[in-house]
Amino acid sequence: MGDIRNSDPRHYRLRFPLENMTMQESVDGLFQYTGIWLEIMGRSRITETEVHDIRVVIRQLMSLQYFLKPLIDKKHYEEGKKTLDRGLKELEGSREKSVFIKALKEFETFLTLKEGNVDNSRQLHALRCLVASLEEEIERDWATFERDQGGIWPDCIKNWLAWIKEEPLADSDENYTAQRLEKMIGKWLGRYHRRQSLKGDGLHQSRIAMKKIRYLYRAVPEAMVPKNPTVIRTMAAYQETTGQLHDISRFREMSLGIPDSLARAWVDYEAHQEKKYLKQCFKVHQALVEALTEVPKKEGRHDSRNRT
């Protein structure tokens, strides 16, 4: 994985398993790599950008744990998952406020460019006051975060590393990596290949499952032959469009403090955005299903779904 002591911590990228190493040796290497990353982050000022990067790293570790699930005791697995979940959720509030502010600024642009002779100066003033208030709120959040020396997320990762090292992985053969990733893709296709499966919570669940596959696909460059950049780009596009739809869904659940003078216009705007992203999402979903269906299998992998 290389020495990252003098690197930008945002360059953390999961690589697994390591070349010419067993699965257990690769896990040991990952401990060292992640420990160095934690040291670097411990010397860094945690801002909105770092919070995003930390969440991505935690999600990569969660993806790795899911990849190793057949090799881990079930009770042990659930304990580790809860540990990483706590670290992820601690950073959720600030992330959602930042995403909401970004959406409000896009809404401001929409109101500014709106055609017609309607005077919306009062709406724009109310909107800018709301954004300013939220930005001040986030600044207070960061001050509290720094005062508490970054919260509990570093301990969650340290505890996870210590936890997974407690119990050795079960034995696996040289085909495990390819077979496991193939099974994950097959499971996703089995559940979400139809558009109807994306209704309700299905959209969000398909996004989470695909995020794990995408992180692992990047982490295991030899897992699929030939390497297909179209698949990776389509995975990223699916994550982007489903993420936009998830944010809209979360905005509806949150107590947002939208002034009455903006409420109707905001609801109409979000409905317009949802319609736009749904159209994009269905198009990308179809392309993703086609791309994953065409991913070539390595020789000898055809019966893997029954073995892992």
C-alpha atoms as a PDB file:
ATOM      1  CA  MET A   1       0.000   0.000   0.000  1.00  0.00           C
ATOM      2  CA  GLY A   2       2.999   2.266   0.320  1.00  0.00           C
ATOM      3  CA  ASP A   3       4.176   4.683   2.976  1.00  0.00           C
ATOM      4  CA  ILE A   4       1.676   7.506   3.444  1.00  0.00           C
ATOM      5  CA  ARG A   5       3.290   9.254   6.440  1.00  0.00           C
ATOM      6  CA  ASN A   6       4.047  12.350   4.366  1.00  0.00           C
ATOM      7  CA  SER A   7       0.965  12.085   2.158  1.00  0.00           C
ATOM      8  CA  ASP A   8      -2.277  14.012   2.089  1.00  0.00           C
ATOM      9  CA  PRO A   9      -4.686  11.895   4.190  1.00  0.00           C
ATOM     10  CA  ARG A  10      -7.370  12.384   1.525  1.00  0.00           C
ATOM     11  CA  HIS A  11      -5.328  10.016  -0.653  1.00  0.00           C
ATOM     12  CA  TYR A  12      -6.406   7.036   1.468  1.00  0.00           C
ATOM     13  CA  ARG A  13      -7.507   4.336  -0.957  1.00  0.00           C
ATOM     14  CA  LEU A  14      -8.406   0.809   0.009  1.00  0.00           C
ATOM     15  CA  ARG A  15      -6.263  -1.844  -1.706  1.00  0.00           C
ATOM     16  CA  PHE A  16      -7.089  -5.427  -0.805  1.00  0.00           C
ATOM     17  CA  PRO A  17      -5.847  -8.123  -0.703  1.00  0.00           C
ATOM     18  CA  LEU A  18      -2.170  -7.258  -1.062  1.00  0.00           C
ATOM     19  CA  GLU A  19      -0.143  -8.896  -3.791  1.00  0.00           C
ATOM     20  CA  ASN A  20       1.522 -12.203  -2.852  1.00  0.00           C
ATOM     21  CA  MET A  21      -0.049 -12.146   0.621  1.00  0.00           C
ATOM     22  CA  THR A  22      -2.661 -14.316   2.291  1.00  0.00           C
ATOM     23  CA  MET A  23      -5.973 -12.792   3.350  1.00  0.00           C
ATOM     24  CA  GLN A  24      -4.792 -12.616   6.981  1.00  0.00           C
ATOM     25  CA  GLU A  25      -1.468 -11.003   6.001  1.00  0.00           C
ATOM     26  CA  SER A  26      -3.394  -8.472   3.925  1.00  0.00           C
ATOM     27  CA  VAL A  27      -5.607  -7.623   6.911  1.00  0.00           C
ATOM     28  CA  ASP A  28      -2.489  -7.094   9.035  1.00  0.00           C
ATOM     29  CA  GLY A  29      -1.126  -4.762   6.346  1.00  0.00           C
ATOM     30  CA  LEU A  30      -4.393  -2.857   6.321  1.00  0.00           C
ATOM     31  CA  PHE A  31      -4.134  -2.319  10.102  1.00  0.00           C
ATOM     32  CA  GLN A  32      -0.757  -0.663   9.674  1.00  0.00           C
ATOM     33  CA  TYR A  33      -1.930   1.461   6.737  1.00  0.00           C
ATOM     34  CA  THR A  34      -5.076   2.640   8.525  1.00  0.00           C
ATOM     35  CA  GLY A  35      -3.134   3.305  11.733  1.00  0.00           C
ATOM     36  CA  ILE A  36      -0.783   5.632   9.845  1.00  0.00           C
ATOM     37  CA  TRP A  37      -3.781   7.391   8.297  1.00  0.00           C
ATOM     38  CA  LEU A  38      -5.242   7.919  11.792  1.00  0.00           C
ATOM     39  CA  GLU A  39      -1.942   9.454  12.929  1.00  0.00           C
ATOM     40  CA  ILE A  40      -2.044  11.888  10.009  1.00  0.00           C
ATOM     41  CA  MET A  41      -5.676  12.822  10.656  1.00  0.00           C
ATOM     42  CA  GLY A  42      -4.848  13.343  14.330  1.00  0.00           C
ATOM     43  CA  ARG A  43      -2.520  16.159  13.266  1.00  0.00           C
ATOM     44  CA  SER A  44      -5.060  17.692  10.885  1.00  0.00           C
ATOM     45  CA  ARG A  45      -7.713  20.322  11.496  1.00  0.00           C
ATOM     46  CA  ILE A  46     -11.071  18.660  10.906  1.00  0.00           C
ATOM     47  CA  THR A  47     -13.198  20.722   8.514  1.00  0.00           C
ATOM     48  CA  GLU A  48     -16.153  19.926   6.260  1.00  0.00           C
ATOM     49  CA  THR A  49     -13.799  18.470   3.640  1.00  0.00           C
ATOM     50  CA  GLU A  50     -12.105  16.183   6.158  1.00  0.00           C
ATOM     51  CA  VAL A  51     -15.473  15.024   7.522  1.00  0.00           C
ATOM     52  CA  HIS A  52     -16.428  13.894   4.023  1.00  0.00           C
ATOM     53  CA  ASP A  53     -13.095  12.097   3.614  1.00  0.00           C
ATOM     54  CA  ILE A  54     -13.354  10.411   7.028  1.00  0.00           C
ATOM     55  CA  ARG A  55     -16.836   9.156   6.191  1.00  0.00           C
ATOM     56  CA  VAL A  56     -15.543   7.733   2.903  1.00  0.00           C
ATOM     57  CA  VAL A  57     -12.737   5.899   4.736  1.00  0.00           C
ATOM     58  CA  ILE A  58     -15.190   4.455   7.279  1.00  0.00           C
ATOM     59  CA  ARG A  59     -17.442   3.304   4.456  1.00  0.00           C
ATOM     60  CA  GLN A  60     -14.458   1.671   2.750  1.00  0.00           C
ATOM     61  CA  LEU A  61     -13.711  -0.229   5.966  1.00  0.00           C
ATOM     62  CA  MET A  62     -17.370  -1.252   6.234  1.00  0.00           C
ATOM     63  CA  SER A  63     -17.201  -2.492   2.641  1.00  0.00           C
ATOM     64  CA  LEU A  64     -14.072  -4.479   3.452  1.00  0.00           C
ATOM     65  CA  GLN A  65     -15.749  -6.046   6.475  1.00  0.00           C
ATOM     66  CA  TYR A  66     -18.714  -7.071   4.317  1.00  0.00           C
ATOM     67  CA  PHE A  67     -16.282  -8.530   1.773  1.00  0.00           C
ATOM     68  CA  LEU A  68     -14.746 -10.630   4.577  1.00  0.00           C
ATOM     69  CA  LYS A  69     -18.113 -11.570   6.124  1.00  0.00           C
ATOM     70  CA  PRO A  70     -17.975 -15.314   5.239  1.00  0.00           C
ATOM     71  CA  LEU A  71     -14.597 -15.515   7.035  1.00  0.00           C
ATOM     72  CA  ILE A  72     -15.780 -13.825  10.256  1.00  0.00           C
ATOM     73  CA  ASP A  73     -17.833 -15.211  13.141  1.00  0.00           C
ATOM     74  CA  LYS A  74     -21.392 -13.821  12.883  1.00  0.00           C
ATOM     75  CA  LYS A  75     -21.492 -12.282  16.379  1.00  0.00           C
ATOM     76  CA  HIS A  76     -18.029 -10.837  15.881  1.00  0.00           C
ATOM     77  CA  TYR A  77     -19.133  -9.374  12.551  1.00  0.00           C
ATOM     78  CA  GLU A  78     -22.146  -7.566  14.044  1.00  0.00           C
ATOM     79  CA  GLU A  79     -20.032  -6.074  16.851  1.00  0.00           C
ATOM     80  CA  GLY A  80     -17.585  -4.665  14.316  1.00  0.00           C
ATOM     81  CA  LYS A  81     -20.360  -3.268  12.133  1.00  0.00           C
ATOM     82  CA  LYS A  82     -21.896  -1.428  15.104  1.00  0.00           C
ATOM     83  CA  THR A  83     -18.506   0.039  16.010  1.00  0.00           C
ATOM     84  CA  LEU A  84     -18.011   1.583  12.563  1.00  0.00           C
ATOM     85  CA  ASP A  85     -21.661   2.693  12.449  1.00  0.00           C
ATOM     86  CA  ARG A  86     -21.155   4.784  15.601  1.00  0.00           C
ATOM     87  CA  GLY A  87     -18.238   6.618  14.028  1.00  0.00           C
ATOM     88  CA  LEU A  88     -20.184   7.230  10.828  1.00  0.00           C
ATOM     89  CA  LYS A  89     -23.300   8.540  12.563  1.00  0.00           C
ATOM     90  CA  GLU A  90     -21.321  10.958  14.721  1.00  0.00           C
ATOM     91  CA  LEU A  91     -20.363  12.822  11.539  1.00  0.00           C
ATOM     92  CA  GLU A  92     -23.830  12.669   9.955  1.00  0.00           C
ATOM     93  CA  GLY A  93     -25.343  15.867  11.366  1.00  0.00           C
ATOM     94  CA  SER A  94     -22.716  18.284  10.062  1.00  0.00           C
ATOM     95  CA  ARG A  95     -22.691  16.545   6.699  1.00  0.00           C
ATOM     96  CA  GLU A  96     -26.471  16.875   6.290  1.00  0.00           C
ATOM     97  CA  LYS A  97     -26.425  20.571   7.204  1.00  0.00           C
ATOM     98  CA  SER A  98     -23.694  21.203   4.631  1.00  0.00           C
ATOM     99  CA  VAL A  99     -25.649  19.337   1.947  1.00  0.00           C
ATOM    100  CA  PHE A 100     -28.778  21.316   2.840  1.00  0.00           C
ATOM    101  CA  ILE A 101     -26.918  24.625   2.530  1.00  0.00           C
ATOM    102  CA  LYS A 102     -25.643  23.580  -0.902  1.00  0.00           C
ATOM    103  CA  ALA A 103     -29.212  22.736  -1.956  1.00  0.00           C
ATOM    104  CA  LEU A 104     -30.473  26.101  -0.674  1.00  0.00           C
ATOM    105  CA  LYS A 105     -27.817  27.957  -2.675  1.00  0.00           C
ATOM    106  CA  GLU A 106     -28.878  26.075  -5.803  1.00  0.00           C
ATOM    107  CA  PHE A 107     -32.473  27.025  -4.933  1.00  0.00           C
ATOM    108  CA  GLU A 108     -31.378  30.668  -4.698  1.00  0.00           C
ATOM    109  CA  THR A 109     -29.921  30.462  -8.206  1.00  0.00           C
ATOM    110  CA  PHE A 110     -33.194  28.934  -9.411  1.00  0.00           C
ATOM    111  CA  LEU A 111     -35.225  31.796  -7.887  1.00  0.00           C
ATOM    112  CA  THR A 112     -32.845  34.429  -9.262  1.00  0.00           C
ATOM    113  CA  LEU A 113     -33.089  33.074 -12.812  1.00  0.00           C
ATOM    114  CA  LYS A 114     -36.825  32.410 -12.639  1.00  0.00           C
ATOM    115  CA  GLU A 115     -38.632  33.868 -15.634  1.00  0.00           C
ATOM    116  CA  GLY A 116     -41.476  36.345 -15.343  1.00  0.00           C
ATOM    117  CA  ASN A 117     -42.050  39.666 -13.658  1.00  0.00           C
ATOM    118  CA  VAL A 118     -42.777  38.249 -10.207  1.00  0.00           C
ATOM    119  CA  ASP A 119     -41.052  40.155  -7.411  1.00  0.00           C
ATOM    120  CA  ASN A 120     -39.308  37.468  -5.339  1.00  0.00           C
ATOM    121  CA  SER A 121     -36.974  39.809  -3.448  1.00  0.00           C
ATOM    122  CA  ARG A 122     -38.630  38.932  -0.112  1.00  0.00           C
ATOM    123  CA  GLN A 123     -38.165  35.222  -0.793  1.00  0.00           C
ATOM    124  CA  LEU A 124     -34.510  35.737  -1.688  1.00  0.00           C
ATOM    125  CA  HIS A 125     -33.926  37.791   1.460  1.00  0.00           C
ATOM    126  CA  ALA A 126     -35.546  35.112   3.648  1.00  0.00           C
ATOM    127  CA  LEU A 127     -33.504  32.427   1.902  1.00  0.00           C
ATOM    128  CA  ARG A 128     -30.200  34.258   2.398  1.00  0.00           C
ATOM    129  CA  CYS A 129     -31.009  34.813   6.070  1.00  0.00           C
ATOM    130  CA  LEU A 130     -31.693  31.084   6.473  1.00  0.00           C
ATOM    131  CA  VAL A 131     -28.392  30.164   4.779  1.00  0.00           C
ATOM    132  CA  ALA A 132     -26.475  32.619   6.974  1.00  0.00           C
ATOM    133  CA  SER A 133     -28.119  31.188  10.100  1.00  0.00           C
ATOM    134  CA  LEU A 134     -27.236  27.616   9.090  1.00  0.00           C
ATOM    135  CA  GLU A 135     -23.645  28.585   8.299  1.00  0.00           C
ATOM    136  CA  GLU A 136     -23.311  30.116  11.772  1.00  0.00           C
ATOM    137  CA  GLU A 137     -24.784  26.928  13.244  1.00  0.00           C
ATOM    138  CA  ILE A 138     -22.204  24.807  11.425  1.00  0.00           C
ATOM    139  CA  GLU A 139     -19.404  27.075  12.665  1.00  0.00           C
ATOM    140  CA  ARG A 140     -20.595  26.432  16.224  1.00  0.00           C
ATOM    141  CA  ASP A 141     -20.668  22.702  15.456  1.00  0.00           C
ATOM    142  CA  TRP A 142     -17.044  22.835  14.271  1.00  0.00           C
ATOM    143  CA  ALA A 143     -16.001  24.766  17.381  1.00  0.00           C
ATOM    144  CA  THR A 144     -17.591  22.079  19.574  1.00  0.00           C
ATOM    145  CA  PHE A 145     -16.032  19.364  17.437  1.00  0.00           C
ATOM    146  CA  GLU A 146     -12.549  20.854  17.856  1.00  0.00           C
ATOM    147  CA  ARG A 147     -13.074  21.458  21.577  1.00  0.00           C
ATOM    148  CA  ASP A 148     -13.933  17.785  21.980  1.00  0.00           C
ATOM    149  CA  GLN A 149     -10.781  16.903  20.008  1.00  0.00           C
ATOM    150  CA  GLY A 150     -12.594  15.407  17.060  1.00  0.00           C
ATOM    151  CA  GLY A 151     -15.232  13.326  18.787  1.00  0.00           C
ATOM    152  CA  ILE A 152     -15.401   9.551  19.042  1.00  0.00           C
ATOM    153  CA  TRP A 153     -14.812   8.537  15.407  1.00  0.00           C
ATOM    154  CA  PRO A 154     -11.018   7.906  15.839  1.00  0.00           C
ATOM    155  CA  ASP A 155     -11.716   5.579  18.772  1.00  0.00           C
ATOM    156  CA  CYS A 156     -14.392   3.797  16.725  1.00  0.00           C
ATOM    157  CA  ILE A 157     -11.839   3.028  14.001  1.00  0.00           C
ATOM    158  CA  LYS A 158      -9.166   2.044  16.547  1.00  0.00           C
ATOM    159  CA  ASN A 159     -11.650  -0.217  18.327  1.00  0.00           C
ATOM    160  CA  TRP A 160     -12.644  -1.759  15.005  1.00  0.00           C
ATOM    161  CA  LEU A 161      -9.007  -2.476  14.130  1.00  0.00           C
ATOM    162  CA  ALA A 162      -8.439  -4.041  17.553  1.00  0.00           C
ATOM    163  CA  TRP A 163     -11.706  -5.965  17.308  1.00  0.00           C
ATOM    164  CA  ILE A 164     -11.059  -7.530  13.917  1.00  0.00           C
ATOM    165  CA  LYS A 165      -7.532  -8.492  14.960  1.00  0.00           C
ATOM    166  CA  GLU A 166      -8.825 -10.414  17.997  1.00  0.00           C
ATOM    167  CA  GLU A 167     -10.027 -13.367  15.985  1.00  0.00           C
ATOM    168  CA  PRO A 168      -8.154 -14.754  12.948  1.00  0.00           C
ATOM    169  CA  LEU A 169     -10.055 -15.033   9.687  1.00  0.00           C
ATOM    170  CA  ALA A 170     -11.273 -18.430   8.564  1.00  0.00           C
ATOM    171  CA  ASP A 171      -9.211 -20.102   5.870  1.00  0.00           C
ATOM    172  CA  SER A 172      -9.886 -19.100   2.274  1.00  0.00           C
ATOM    173  CA  ASP A 173      -8.493 -20.233  -1.057  1.00  0.00           C
ATOM    174  CA  GLU A 174      -6.929 -18.203  -3.853  1.00  0.00           C
ATOM    175  CA  ASN A 175     -10.288 -17.829  -5.618  1.00  0.00           C
ATOM    176  CA  TYR A 176     -12.028 -16.180  -2.655  1.00  0.00           C
ATOM    177  CA  THR A 177     -11.639 -12.569  -3.833  1.00  0.00           C
ATOM    178  CA  ALA A 178     -13.070 -13.109  -7.307  1.00  0.00           C
ATOM    179  CA  GLN A 179     -15.826 -15.405  -6.056  1.00  0.00           C
ATOM    180  CA  ARG A 180     -16.914 -13.073  -3.268  1.00  0.00           C
ATOM    181  CA  LEU A 181     -17.114 -10.012  -5.498  1.00  0.00           C
ATOM    182  CA  GLU A 182     -18.977 -11.964  -8.153  1.00  0.00           C
ATOM    183  CA  LYS A 183     -21.495 -13.095  -5.545  1.00  0.00           C
ATOM    184  CA  MET A 184     -22.016  -9.499  -4.346  1.00  0.00           C
ATOM    185  CA  ILE A 185     -22.721  -8.383  -7.918  1.00  0.00           C
ATOM    186  CA  GLY A 186     -25.046 -11.337  -8.476  1.00  0.00           C
ATOM    187  CA  LYS A 187     -26.927 -10.505  -5.273  1.00  0.00           C
ATOM    188  CA  TRP A 188     -27.331  -6.862  -6.329  1.00  0.00           C
ATOM    189  CA  LEU A 189     -28.605  -7.855  -9.765  1.00  0.00           C
ATOM    190  CA  GLY A 190     -30.977 -10.389  -8.221  1.00  0.00           C
ATOM    191  CA  ARG A 191     -32.536  -7.780  -5.937  1.00  0.00           C
ATOM    192  CA  TYR A 192     -32.359  -4.565  -7.934  1.00  0.00           C
ATOM    193  CA  HIS A 193     -32.225  -5.355 -11.657  1.00  0.00           C
ATOM    194  CA  ARG A 194     -35.858  -4.279 -12.124  1.00  0.00           C
ATOM    195  CA  ARG A 195     -36.845  -0.621 -11.914  1.00  0.00           C
ATOM    196  CA  GLN A 196     -39.779  -1.529  -9.648  1.00  0.00           C
ATOM    197  CA  SER A 197     -37.315  -2.730  -6.994  1.00  0.00           C
ATOM    198  CA  LEU A 198     -36.170   0.875  -6.478  1.00  0.00           C
ATOM    199  CA  LYS A 199     -39.491   1.983  -4.991  1.00  0.00           C
ATOM    200  CA  GLY A 200     -39.600   3.090  -1.355  1.00  0.00           C
ATOM    201  CA  ASP A 201     -36.480   2.192   0.594  1.00  0.00           C
ATOM    202  CA  GLY A 202     -35.231   0.023  -2.284  1.00  0.00           C
ATOM    203  CA  LEU A 203     -33.493   2.982  -3.924  1.00  0.00           C
ATOM    204  CA  HIS A 204     -31.447   3.769  -0.814  1.00  0.00           C
ATOM    205  CA  GLN A 205     -30.638   0.113  -0.121  1.00  0.00           C
ATOM    206  CA  SER A 206     -29.513  -0.442  -3.712  1.00  0.00           C
ATOM    207  CA  ARG A 207     -27.269   2.607  -3.388  1.00  0.00           C
ATOM    208  CA  ILE A 208     -25.622   1.301  -0.199  1.00  0.00           C
ATOM    209  CA  ALA A 209     -25.061  -2.146  -1.717  1.00  0.00           C
ATOM    210  CA  MET A 210     -23.608  -0.666  -4.910  1.00  0.00           C
ATOM    211  CA  LYS A 211     -21.332   1.628  -2.919  1.00  0.00           C
ATOM    212  CA  LYS A 212     -19.751  -1.429  -1.271  1.00  0.00           C
ATOM    213  CA  ILE A 213     -19.249  -3.070  -4.661  1.00  0.00           C
ATOM    214  CA  ARG A 214     -17.731   0.091  -6.124  1.00  0.00           C
ATOM    215  CA  TYR A 215     -15.222   0.502  -3.293  1.00  0.00           C
ATOM    216  CA  LEU A 216     -14.218  -3.150  -3.561  1.00  0.00           C
ATOM    217  CA  TYR A 217     -14.063  -3.055  -7.349  1.00  0.00           C
ATOM    218  CA  ARG A 218     -11.559  -0.199  -7.043  1.00  0.00           C
ATOM    219  CA  ALA A 219      -9.682  -2.008  -4.277  1.00  0.00           C
ATOM    220  CA  VAL A 220      -9.244  -5.268  -6.190  1.00  0.00           C
ATOM    221  CA  PRO A 221      -7.946  -4.325  -9.648  1.00  0.00           C
ATOM    222  CA  GLU A 222      -7.532  -7.928 -10.779  1.00  0.00           C
ATOM    223  CA  ALA A 223     -11.027  -9.049  -9.744  1.00  0.00           C
ATOM    224  CA  MET A 224     -12.597  -8.639 -13.170  1.00  0.00           C
ATOM    225  CA  VAL A 225     -10.986  -9.256 -16.523  1.00  0.00           C
ATOM    226  CA  PRO A 226     -10.690  -7.198 -18.603  1.00  0.00           C
ATOM    227  CA  LYS A 227     -10.719  -4.073 -16.460  1.00  0.00           C
ATOM    228  CA  ASN A 228     -13.798  -2.180 -17.613  1.00  0.00           C
ATOM    229  CA  PRO A 229     -13.703   1.588 -16.949  1.00  0.00           C
ATOM    230  CA  THR A 230     -17.296   1.879 -18.180  1.00  0.00           C
ATOM    231  CA  VAL A 231     -18.505  -0.189 -15.227  1.00  0.00           C
ATOM    232  CA  ILE A 232     -16.691   2.026 -12.704  1.00  0.00           C
ATOM    233  CA  ARG A 233     -17.996   5.234 -14.310  1.00  0.00           C
ATOM    234  CA  THR A 234     -21.541   3.878 -14.375  1.00  0.00           C
ATOM    235  CA  MET A 235     -21.290   2.822 -10.717  1.00  0.00           C
ATOM    236  CA  ALA A 236     -20.151   6.359  -9.832  1.00  0.00           C
ATOM    237  CA  ALA A 237     -23.013   7.913 -11.837  1.00  0.00           C
ATOM    238  CA  TYR A 238     -25.532   5.652 -10.090  1.00  0.00           C
ATOM    239  CA  GLN A 239     -24.128   6.600  -6.702  1.00  0.00           C
ATOM    240  CA  GLU A 240     -24.385  10.295  -7.628  1.00  0.00           C
ATOM    241  CA  THR A 241     -27.994  10.253  -8.870  1.00  0.00           C
ATOM    242  CA  THR A 242     -29.295   7.996  -6.086  1.00  0.00           C
ATOM    243  CA  GLY A 243     -27.430  10.188  -3.595  1.00  0.00           C
ATOM    244  CA  GLN A 244     -29.245  13.283  -4.869  1.00  0.00           C
ATOM    245  CA  LEU A 245     -32.576  11.504  -4.474  1.00  0.00           C
ATOM    246  CA  HIS A 246     -31.633  10.316  -0.981  1.00  0.00           C
ATOM    247  CA  ASP A 247     -30.809  13.899   0.029  1.00  0.00           C
ATOM    248  CA  ILE A 248     -34.207  15.111  -1.199  1.00  0.00           C
ATOM    249  CA  SER A 249     -35.851  12.347   0.818  1.00  0.00           C
ATOM    250  CA  ARG A 250     -33.861  13.325   3.928  1.00  0.00           C
ATOM    251  CA  PHE A 251     -34.788  17.005   3.524  1.00  0.00           C
ATOM    252  CA  ARG A 252     -38.445  15.993   3.801  1.00  0.00           C
ATOM    253  CA  GLU A 253     -37.728  14.169   7.061  1.00  0.00           C
ATOM    254  CA  MET A 254     -35.599  16.907   8.623  1.00  0.00           C
ATOM    255  CA  SER A 255     -36.788  19.938  10.571  1.00  0.00           C
ATOM    256  CA  LEU A 256     -35.405  22.485   8.134  1.00  0.00           C
ATOM    257  CA  GLY A 257     -36.690  25.825   9.397  1.00  0.00           C
ATOM    258  CA  ILE A 258     -37.921  26.908   5.950  1.00  0.00           C
ATOM    259  CA  PRO A 259     -39.785  30.249   6.363  1.00  0.00           C
ATOM    260  CA  ASP A 260     -43.470  30.294   5.404  1.00  0.00           C
ATOM    261  CA  SER A 261     -42.712  32.749   2.603  1.00  0.00           C
ATOM    262  CA  LEU A 262     -40.467  30.116   0.983  1.00  0.00           C
ATOM    263  CA  ALA A 263     -42.335  26.926   1.806  1.00  0.00           C
ATOM    264  CA  ARG A 264     -44.474  26.610  -1.340  1.00  0.00           C
ATOM    265  CA  ALA A 265     -41.655  27.553  -3.716  1.00  0.00           C
ATOM    266  CA  TRP A 266     -39.259  25.136  -1.954  1.00  0.00           C
ATOM    267  CA  VAL A 267     -41.708  22.215  -2.185  1.00  0.00           C
ATOM    268  CA  ASP A 268     -42.253  22.894  -5.901  1.00  0.00           C
ATOM    269  CA  TYR A 269     -38.511  23.189  -6.503  1.00  0.00           C
ATOM    270  CA  GLU A 270     -37.722  19.916  -4.715  1.00  0.00           C
ATOM    271  CA  ALA A 271     -40.486  18.132  -6.649  1.00  0.00           C
ATOM    272  CA  HIS A 272     -38.927  19.420  -9.874  1.00  0.00           C
ATOM    273  CA  GLN A 273     -35.469  18.259  -8.763  1.00  0.00           C
ATOM    274  CA  GLU A 274     -36.784  14.848  -7.760  1.00  0.00           C
ATOM    275  CA  LYS A 275     -38.431  14.350 -11.149  1.00  0.00           C
ATOM    276  CA  LYS A 276     -35.202  15.323 -12.910  1.00  0.00           C
ATOM    277  CA  TYR A 277     -32.997  13.005 -10.836  1.00  0.00           C
ATOM    278  CA  LEU A 278     -35.452  10.109 -11.083  1.00  0.00           C
ATOM    279  CA  LYS A 279     -35.287  10.327 -14.865  1.00  0.00           C
ATOM    280  CA  GLN A 280     -31.477  10.328 -14.718  1.00  0.00           C
ATOM    281  CA  CYS A 281     -31.448   7.536 -12.146  1.00  0.00           C
ATOM    282  CA  PHE A 282     -33.598   5.159 -14.195  1.00  0.00           C
ATOM    283  CA  LYS A 283     -31.412   5.754 -17.242  1.00  0.00           C
ATOM    284  CA  VAL A 284     -28.205   5.090 -15.286  1.00  0.00           C
ATOM    285  CA  HIS A 285     -29.780   2.102 -13.531  1.00  0.00           C
ATOM    286  CA  GLN A 286     -30.531   0.465 -16.874  1.00  0.00           C
ATOM    287  CA  ALA A 287     -26.969   1.113 -18.072  1.00  0.00           C
ATOM    288  CA  LEU A 288     -25.553  -0.281 -14.820  1.00  0.00           C
ATOM    289  CA  VAL A 289     -27.598  -3.478 -15.009  1.00  0.00           C
ATOM    290  CA  GLU A 290     -26.438  -3.983 -18.600  1.00  0.00           C
ATOM    291  CA  ALA A 291     -22.794  -3.275 -17.715  1.00  0.00           C
ATOM    292  CA  LEU A 292     -22.778  -5.645 -14.729  1.00  0.00           C
ATOM    293  CA  THR A 293     -24.547  -8.368 -16.682  1.00  0.00           C
ATOM    294  CA  GLU A 294     -21.788  -8.191 -19.296  1.00  0.00           C
ATOM    295  CA  VAL A 295     -18.864  -8.258 -16.822  1.00  0.00           C
ATOM    296  CA  PRO A 296     -16.752 -11.281 -17.826  1.00  0.00           C
ATOM    297  CA  LYS A 297     -16.166 -14.034 -15.269  1.00  0.00           C
ATOM    298  CA  LYS A 298     -12.783 -15.578 -14.660  1.00  0.00           C
ATOM    299  CA  GLU A 299     -12.446 -19.193 -15.656  1.00  0.00           C
ATOM    300  CA  GLY A 300     -13.567 -21.540 -12.900  1.00  0.00           C
ATOM    301  CA  ARG A 301     -15.849 -19.011 -11.153  1.00  0.00           C
ATOM    302  CA  HIS A 302     -19.199 -20.211 -12.464  1.00  0.00           C
ATOM    303  CA  ASP A 303     -20.272 -22.074  -9.296  1.00  0.00           C
ATOM    304  CA  SER A 304     -18.919 -19.506  -6.830  1.00  0.00           C
ATOM    305  CA  ARG A 305     -22.293 -18.307  -5.538  1.00  0.00           C
ATOM    306  CA  ASN A 306     -22.823 -21.579  -3.726  1.00  0.00           C
ATOM    307  CA  ARG A 307     -19.403 -21.599  -2.097  1.00  0.00           C
ATOM    308  CA  THR A 308     -19.067 -18.217  -0.364  1.00  0.00           C
END
